[in-house]
Amino acid sequence: MPRMLRVEYPGAIYHIMSRGNRREAVFLDEVDRHDFLKTLAEACRKTGWQVHAWCLMGNHFHLVVQTPQANLVDGMRWLLSTYSNRFNHRRKKVGHLFSGRYKALHVQGHGAGYLRTVCDYVHLNPVRARLLRTGQRLIEYPWSSFAWHLAGKEHRPAWLCSEPLFGEHGITQDNAQGRREFERRLEARRQEPKETGGPMRRGWYLGTQEFKKELLARMEGRLGANHAGQLRREAAEANAQRLIESELKRQGWTEGELKDRAKTDPVKVALAARIRRETTVPIRWLATRLHMGTRQTLNAALYLWRKEHEQANSTV
């Protein structure tokens, strides 16, 4: 199956979701849930992780985790394997508990509002799953971090980080008044139309286009045939775009000038040849991006360009 590349760097934030094998339950009772949180606390002590939100459901869990030491893969390997071993030992079971690879969505931080979006999504999960009756408050669901965010700082787990989330909600003080405002905001969000999850369910990042470009730059040269085609395509296009921007700057051209130049302008043809050599973007994408007509026109121009350069090199 196609895989998404795990991009690790100091301070990275991820929305992690993992389901039970064959969608079976990974938490059968309160003992299991307490044990998972205990194991998560151990994982945080080992890795230095900071948890912004979590929610335990029946056959899956959600985590929003920040990794100061760029160690998502090692930490998740330890967390999932340790909990699985403890679960199987307690239940006298064998085999895989979780299904395949966990999903890890890259989340943009730095006060851009995306951390708030993903944490709110996690905290509202019991509402979408109809685990709360009408009239019940969010705080009454016992297996998410929401209630812990509403507790005083001295009562929270050391690995739960509230200030960034409060800050993105515009709450400047982590005091009783600020925490009441946080609850009011989430209860108000609860009344809004139900979110389908969109990018959090189907995408691989949550952030601005600039954040996406930064992630793709980190992936450059690391994607293989086993990684998702969408990711390989977007990485190739980002690499090609960097080459185009660099050449425009070198030539002193604007995007308008690039468009107005002849389809077979020598600089455009040379740039197209370089992009074909250094990336895997399709010829059709390249013809459109460089305003060089159809893919047939670009192919013909590249053929002549290669022929001229082969002849020039043979006379040297």
Protein backbone atom coordinates (compact mmCIF):
# COMPACT_ATOMS: atom_id res chain seq x y z
CA MET A 1 0.00 0.00 0.00
CA PRO A 2 1.23 3.58 -0.68
CA ARG A 3 2.79 5.19 2.39
CA MET A 4 3.16 8.76 3.59
CA LEU A 5 6.69 9.78 4.46
CA ARG A 6 7.29 10.51 8.15
CA VAL A 7 8.92 13.94 8.20
CA GLU A 8 10.64 14.53 11.53
CA TYR A 9 12.21 17.79 12.73
CA PRO A 10 12.55 19.53 16.11
CA GLY A 11 9.28 21.13 17.19
CA ALA A 12 7.10 19.32 14.63
CA ILE A 13 3.40 18.95 15.51
CA TYR A 14 1.34 15.95 14.41
CA HIS A 15 -2.27 14.86 14.60
CA ILE A 16 -1.95 11.11 15.12
CA MET A 17 -4.73 8.58 14.69
CA SER A 18 -4.46 4.80 14.97
CA ARG A 19 -7.24 2.22 14.63
CA GLY A 20 -7.61 -1.30 15.91
CA ASN A 21 -6.79 -4.22 13.65
CA ARG A 22 -9.88 -5.06 11.54
CA ARG A 23 -11.45 -2.03 13.27
CA GLU A 24 -11.77 -4.03 16.46
CA ALA A 25 -11.70 -2.37 19.89
CA VAL A 26 -8.36 -1.35 21.35
CA PHE A 27 -9.98 -0.28 24.64
CA LEU A 28 -12.37 -2.80 26.18
CA ASP A 29 -12.80 -1.18 29.58
CA GLU A 30 -11.52 1.56 31.87
CA VAL A 31 -8.49 -0.51 32.82
CA ASP A 32 -7.35 -0.45 29.19
CA ARG A 33 -7.86 3.29 28.91
CA HIS A 34 -5.98 4.01 32.13
CA ASP A 35 -3.20 1.73 30.95
CA PHE A 36 -2.93 3.54 27.63
CA LEU A 37 -2.65 6.92 29.36
CA LYS A 38 -0.04 5.49 31.71
CA THR A 39 1.91 4.19 28.71
CA LEU A 40 1.54 7.55 26.95
CA ALA A 41 2.95 9.30 30.04
CA GLU A 42 5.95 6.93 29.96
CA ALA A 43 6.44 7.62 26.25
CA CYS A 44 6.43 11.37 26.91
CA ARG A 45 9.06 10.98 29.66
CA LYS A 46 11.26 8.96 27.31
CA THR A 47 10.88 11.25 24.30
CA GLY A 48 10.17 14.72 25.71
CA TRP A 49 6.90 14.85 23.77
CA GLN A 50 4.39 17.59 24.57
CA VAL A 51 0.76 16.57 24.13
CA HIS A 52 -1.72 19.27 23.13
CA ALA A 53 -4.82 17.05 22.92
CA TRP A 54 -5.90 13.43 23.10
CA CYS A 55 -9.12 11.45 22.87
CA LEU A 56 -9.66 7.73 23.38
CA MET A 57 -12.56 6.15 21.51
CA GLY A 58 -13.52 2.48 21.26
CA ASN A 59 -11.47 1.21 18.35
CA HIS A 60 -9.07 4.13 17.83
CA PHE A 61 -7.40 7.09 19.48
CA HIS A 62 -6.39 10.64 18.55
CA LEU A 63 -3.27 12.48 19.72
CA VAL A 64 -1.94 15.94 18.94
CA VAL A 65 1.74 15.74 19.77
CA GLN A 66 4.71 18.08 19.49
CA THR A 67 8.18 16.52 19.25
CA PRO A 68 10.96 18.84 20.49
CA GLN A 69 13.56 16.17 19.64
CA ALA A 70 12.36 15.03 16.19
CA ASN A 71 11.57 11.53 17.39
CA LEU A 72 8.01 10.75 16.28
CA VAL A 73 8.82 7.36 14.74
CA ASP A 74 10.81 6.01 17.68
CA GLY A 75 8.26 7.28 20.18
CA MET A 76 5.25 5.86 18.34
CA ARG A 77 6.99 2.52 17.85
CA TRP A 78 7.54 2.30 21.60
CA LEU A 79 4.05 3.54 22.52
CA LEU A 80 2.10 1.22 20.23
CA SER A 81 4.21 -1.87 20.81
CA THR A 82 4.31 -1.41 24.60
CA TYR A 83 0.57 -0.86 24.92
CA SER A 84 -0.15 -3.78 22.57
CA ASN A 85 2.08 -6.09 24.61
CA ARG A 86 0.43 -5.03 27.85
CA PHE A 87 -3.06 -5.39 26.36
CA ASN A 88 -2.31 -8.87 24.99
CA HIS A 89 -0.67 -9.99 28.22
CA ARG A 90 -3.62 -8.81 30.32
CA ARG A 91 -6.19 -10.33 27.91
CA LYS A 92 -4.15 -13.47 27.15
CA LYS A 93 -4.23 -12.63 23.44
CA VAL A 94 -1.64 -12.71 20.67
CA GLY A 95 -1.19 -10.87 17.39
CA HIS A 96 -1.47 -7.30 16.18
CA LEU A 97 -3.68 -4.93 18.12
CA PHE A 98 -3.42 -1.90 15.78
CA SER A 99 -4.11 -1.89 12.06
CA GLY A 100 -1.16 -1.09 9.80
CA ARG A 101 0.52 2.27 10.04
CA TYR A 102 -0.79 5.09 12.17
CA LYS A 103 -1.83 8.29 10.41
CA ALA A 104 0.33 11.32 11.24
CA LEU A 105 -0.92 14.62 9.85
CA HIS A 106 1.60 17.48 9.89
CA VAL A 107 0.14 20.53 11.65
CA GLN A 108 1.40 24.09 11.33
CA GLY A 109 2.01 25.80 14.64
CA HIS A 110 3.28 29.32 15.36
CA GLY A 111 -0.09 30.89 16.18
CA ALA A 112 -1.57 30.32 12.72
CA GLY A 113 -4.78 28.79 14.13
CA TYR A 114 -4.22 25.29 12.80
CA LEU A 115 -3.29 23.88 16.20
CA ARG A 116 -6.61 25.19 17.55
CA THR A 117 -8.47 23.63 14.60
CA VAL A 118 -7.02 20.17 15.09
CA CYS A 119 -7.30 20.19 18.91
CA ASP A 120 -10.94 21.31 18.71
CA TYR A 121 -11.57 18.51 16.23
CA VAL A 122 -10.08 15.98 18.66
CA HIS A 123 -11.99 17.32 21.68
CA LEU A 124 -15.29 17.30 19.76
CA ASN A 125 -14.84 13.69 18.65
CA PRO A 126 -17.22 12.31 21.36
CA VAL A 127 -19.93 14.67 20.06
CA ARG A 128 -19.57 13.46 16.47
CA ALA A 129 -19.65 9.86 17.74
CA ARG A 130 -22.81 10.63 19.78
CA LEU A 131 -21.23 9.49 23.01
CA LEU A 132 -22.72 12.45 24.89
CA ARG A 133 -26.42 12.88 25.47
CA THR A 134 -28.21 16.16 24.86
CA GLY A 135 -27.54 18.37 27.84
CA GLN A 136 -24.29 16.66 28.81
CA ARG A 137 -21.24 18.93 28.85
CA LEU A 138 -18.06 18.09 26.97
CA ILE A 139 -16.27 17.87 30.30
CA GLU A 140 -18.39 14.82 31.14
CA TYR A 141 -16.60 12.66 28.57
CA PRO A 142 -13.81 11.23 30.76
CA TRP A 143 -11.42 9.97 28.09
CA SER A 144 -10.15 13.13 26.43
CA SER A 145 -7.78 15.89 27.45
CA PHE A 146 -10.57 18.48 27.46
CA ALA A 147 -11.36 18.04 31.15
CA TRP A 148 -7.65 18.20 32.01
CA HIS A 149 -7.27 21.51 30.17
CA LEU A 150 -10.04 22.86 32.41
CA ALA A 151 -8.25 21.73 35.56
CA GLY A 152 -5.73 23.91 37.38
CA LYS A 153 -2.14 23.69 36.14
CA GLU A 154 -1.07 21.89 39.30
CA HIS A 155 -3.53 19.07 38.58
CA ARG A 156 -2.61 18.41 34.94
CA PRO A 157 -0.14 15.79 33.73
CA ALA A 158 3.28 17.36 33.21
CA TRP A 159 3.22 16.26 29.55
CA LEU A 160 -0.07 18.03 28.72
CA CYS A 161 0.58 21.47 27.24
CA SER A 162 -2.33 23.95 27.50
CA GLU A 163 -0.84 27.40 26.90
CA PRO A 164 -0.40 27.19 23.08
CA LEU A 165 -3.99 26.00 22.65
CA PHE A 166 -5.36 28.67 25.00
CA GLY A 167 -3.30 31.27 23.13
CA GLU A 168 -4.80 30.28 19.78
CA HIS A 169 -8.24 30.73 21.35
CA GLY A 170 -7.23 34.24 22.40
CA ILE A 171 -7.05 33.27 26.08
CA THR A 172 -4.06 35.03 27.63
CA GLN A 173 -4.35 33.83 31.24
CA ASP A 174 -4.32 30.20 32.36
CA ASN A 175 -6.61 30.90 35.31
CA ALA A 176 -10.17 30.04 36.31
CA GLN A 177 -11.64 32.77 34.13
CA GLY A 178 -9.55 31.76 31.12
CA ARG A 179 -10.47 28.11 31.52
CA ARG A 180 -14.18 28.98 31.74
CA GLU A 181 -13.82 30.92 28.51
CA PHE A 182 -12.12 27.92 26.89
CA GLU A 183 -15.05 25.69 27.86
CA ARG A 184 -17.55 28.28 26.61
CA ARG A 185 -15.81 28.42 23.24
CA LEU A 186 -15.79 24.64 22.79
CA GLU A 187 -19.41 24.31 23.84
CA ALA A 188 -20.27 26.98 21.27
CA ARG A 189 -18.29 25.11 18.60
CA ARG A 190 -20.31 22.05 19.49
CA GLN A 191 -23.49 23.77 18.28
CA GLU A 192 -22.00 24.54 14.87
CA PRO A 193 -22.63 22.23 11.86
CA LYS A 194 -20.79 18.94 12.30
CA GLU A 195 -17.33 18.89 10.74
CA THR A 196 -16.50 15.99 8.45
CA GLY A 197 -12.79 16.27 9.21
CA GLY A 198 -11.88 17.09 5.60
CA PRO A 199 -8.09 17.62 5.50
CA MET A 200 -7.66 15.88 8.86
CA ARG A 201 -9.15 12.67 7.50
CA ARG A 202 -7.86 12.67 3.92
CA GLY A 203 -4.93 15.07 3.75
CA TRP A 204 -1.32 14.81 4.87
CA TYR A 205 -0.80 18.33 6.27
CA LEU A 206 -2.82 21.13 7.86
CA GLY A 207 -1.45 24.59 7.25
CA THR A 208 -0.67 27.27 4.69
CA GLN A 209 0.80 26.73 1.24
CA GLU A 210 4.10 28.05 2.58
CA PHE A 211 4.06 25.39 5.30
CA LYS A 212 3.38 22.77 2.63
CA LYS A 213 6.37 24.01 0.62
CA GLU A 214 8.60 23.75 3.68
CA LEU A 215 7.48 20.15 4.27
CA LEU A 216 8.00 19.19 0.64
CA ALA A 217 11.49 20.69 0.76
CA ARG A 218 12.27 18.47 3.76
CA MET A 219 11.07 15.45 1.76
CA GLU A 220 13.22 16.20 -1.27
CA GLY A 221 15.28 13.18 -2.29
CA ARG A 222 13.69 10.93 0.32
CA LEU A 223 10.58 9.70 -1.49
CA GLY A 224 10.59 6.20 -2.97
CA ALA A 225 8.23 4.13 -5.08
CA ASN A 226 6.49 2.88 -1.92
CA HIS A 227 5.34 6.37 -0.95
CA ALA A 228 1.96 7.76 -1.96
CA GLY A 229 1.73 8.97 -5.56
CA GLN A 230 0.11 12.24 -4.51
CA LEU A 231 3.03 12.99 -2.23
CA ARG A 232 5.63 12.16 -4.90
CA ARG A 233 3.78 14.35 -7.40
CA GLU A 234 3.51 17.31 -5.04
CA ALA A 235 7.19 16.99 -4.04
CA ALA A 236 8.24 16.94 -7.70
CA GLU A 237 6.11 19.98 -8.50
CA ALA A 238 7.53 21.87 -5.51
CA ASN A 239 11.08 21.05 -6.62
CA ALA A 240 10.29 22.20 -10.17
CA GLN A 241 8.74 25.40 -8.83
CA ARG A 242 11.92 26.19 -6.88
CA LEU A 243 13.99 25.76 -10.05
CA ILE A 244 11.62 28.04 -11.98
CA GLU A 245 11.70 30.74 -9.30
CA SER A 246 15.50 30.58 -9.17
CA GLU A 247 15.79 30.96 -12.96
CA LEU A 248 13.28 33.83 -13.09
CA LYS A 249 15.33 35.65 -10.46
CA ARG A 250 18.57 34.98 -12.37
CA GLN A 251 17.08 36.29 -15.61
CA GLY A 252 15.30 39.20 -13.93
CA TRP A 253 11.99 38.04 -15.36
CA THR A 254 8.52 38.36 -13.89
CA GLU A 255 5.82 35.73 -14.26
CA GLY A 256 4.25 37.98 -16.90
CA GLU A 257 7.47 38.04 -18.92
CA LEU A 258 7.74 34.26 -18.69
CA LYS A 259 4.26 33.99 -20.16
CA ASP A 260 4.91 36.55 -22.91
CA ARG A 261 8.15 34.94 -24.12
CA ALA A 262 7.98 32.71 -27.17
CA LYS A 263 7.00 29.12 -26.53
CA THR A 264 10.40 27.96 -27.76
CA ASP A 265 12.46 30.74 -26.15
CA PRO A 266 15.98 29.27 -25.66
CA VAL A 267 16.03 30.12 -21.94
CA LYS A 268 12.65 28.45 -21.42
CA VAL A 269 13.73 25.37 -23.35
CA ALA A 270 16.98 25.10 -21.35
CA LEU A 271 15.03 25.48 -18.11
CA ALA A 272 12.55 22.83 -19.21
CA ALA A 273 15.43 20.48 -20.01
CA ARG A 274 16.92 21.00 -16.56
CA ILE A 275 13.58 20.41 -14.83
CA ARG A 276 13.04 17.22 -16.83
CA ARG A 277 16.52 16.08 -15.81
CA GLU A 278 16.18 16.90 -12.09
CA THR A 279 12.51 16.19 -11.34
CA THR A 280 9.74 13.78 -12.29
CA VAL A 281 7.04 16.29 -13.23
CA PRO A 282 4.96 15.25 -16.29
CA ILE A 283 5.69 16.94 -19.60
CA ARG A 284 2.12 18.25 -19.75
CA TRP A 285 2.51 20.00 -16.35
CA LEU A 286 5.80 21.51 -17.48
CA ALA A 287 4.41 22.79 -20.78
CA THR A 288 1.54 24.48 -18.97
CA ARG A 289 3.67 25.96 -16.18
CA LEU A 290 6.29 27.44 -18.55
CA HIS A 291 3.69 28.60 -21.10
CA MET A 292 5.26 26.48 -23.86
CA GLY A 293 2.11 25.29 -25.62
CA THR A 294 1.18 21.64 -25.82
CA ARG A 295 3.26 18.73 -24.62
CA GLN A 296 3.96 17.92 -28.29
CA THR A 297 5.41 21.41 -28.80
CA LEU A 298 7.61 21.06 -25.73
CA ASN A 299 8.74 17.56 -26.67
CA ALA A 300 9.80 18.78 -30.12
CA ALA A 301 11.68 21.74 -28.60
CA LEU A 302 13.48 19.47 -26.13
CA TYR A 303 14.42 17.04 -28.91
CA LEU A 304 16.04 19.84 -30.91
CA TRP A 305 17.75 21.21 -27.77
CA ARG A 306 19.27 17.81 -26.91
CA LYS A 307 20.36 17.27 -30.51
CA GLU A 308 22.12 20.65 -30.63
CA HIS A 309 23.89 20.02 -27.33
CA GLU A 310 24.96 16.53 -28.37
CA GLN A 311 26.48 17.96 -31.56
CA ALA A 312 28.20 20.75 -29.62
CA ASN A 313 29.66 18.29 -27.14
CA SER A 314 30.89 15.98 -29.93
CA THR A 315 32.97 18.80 -31.46
CA VAL A 316 34.69 19.68 -28.19
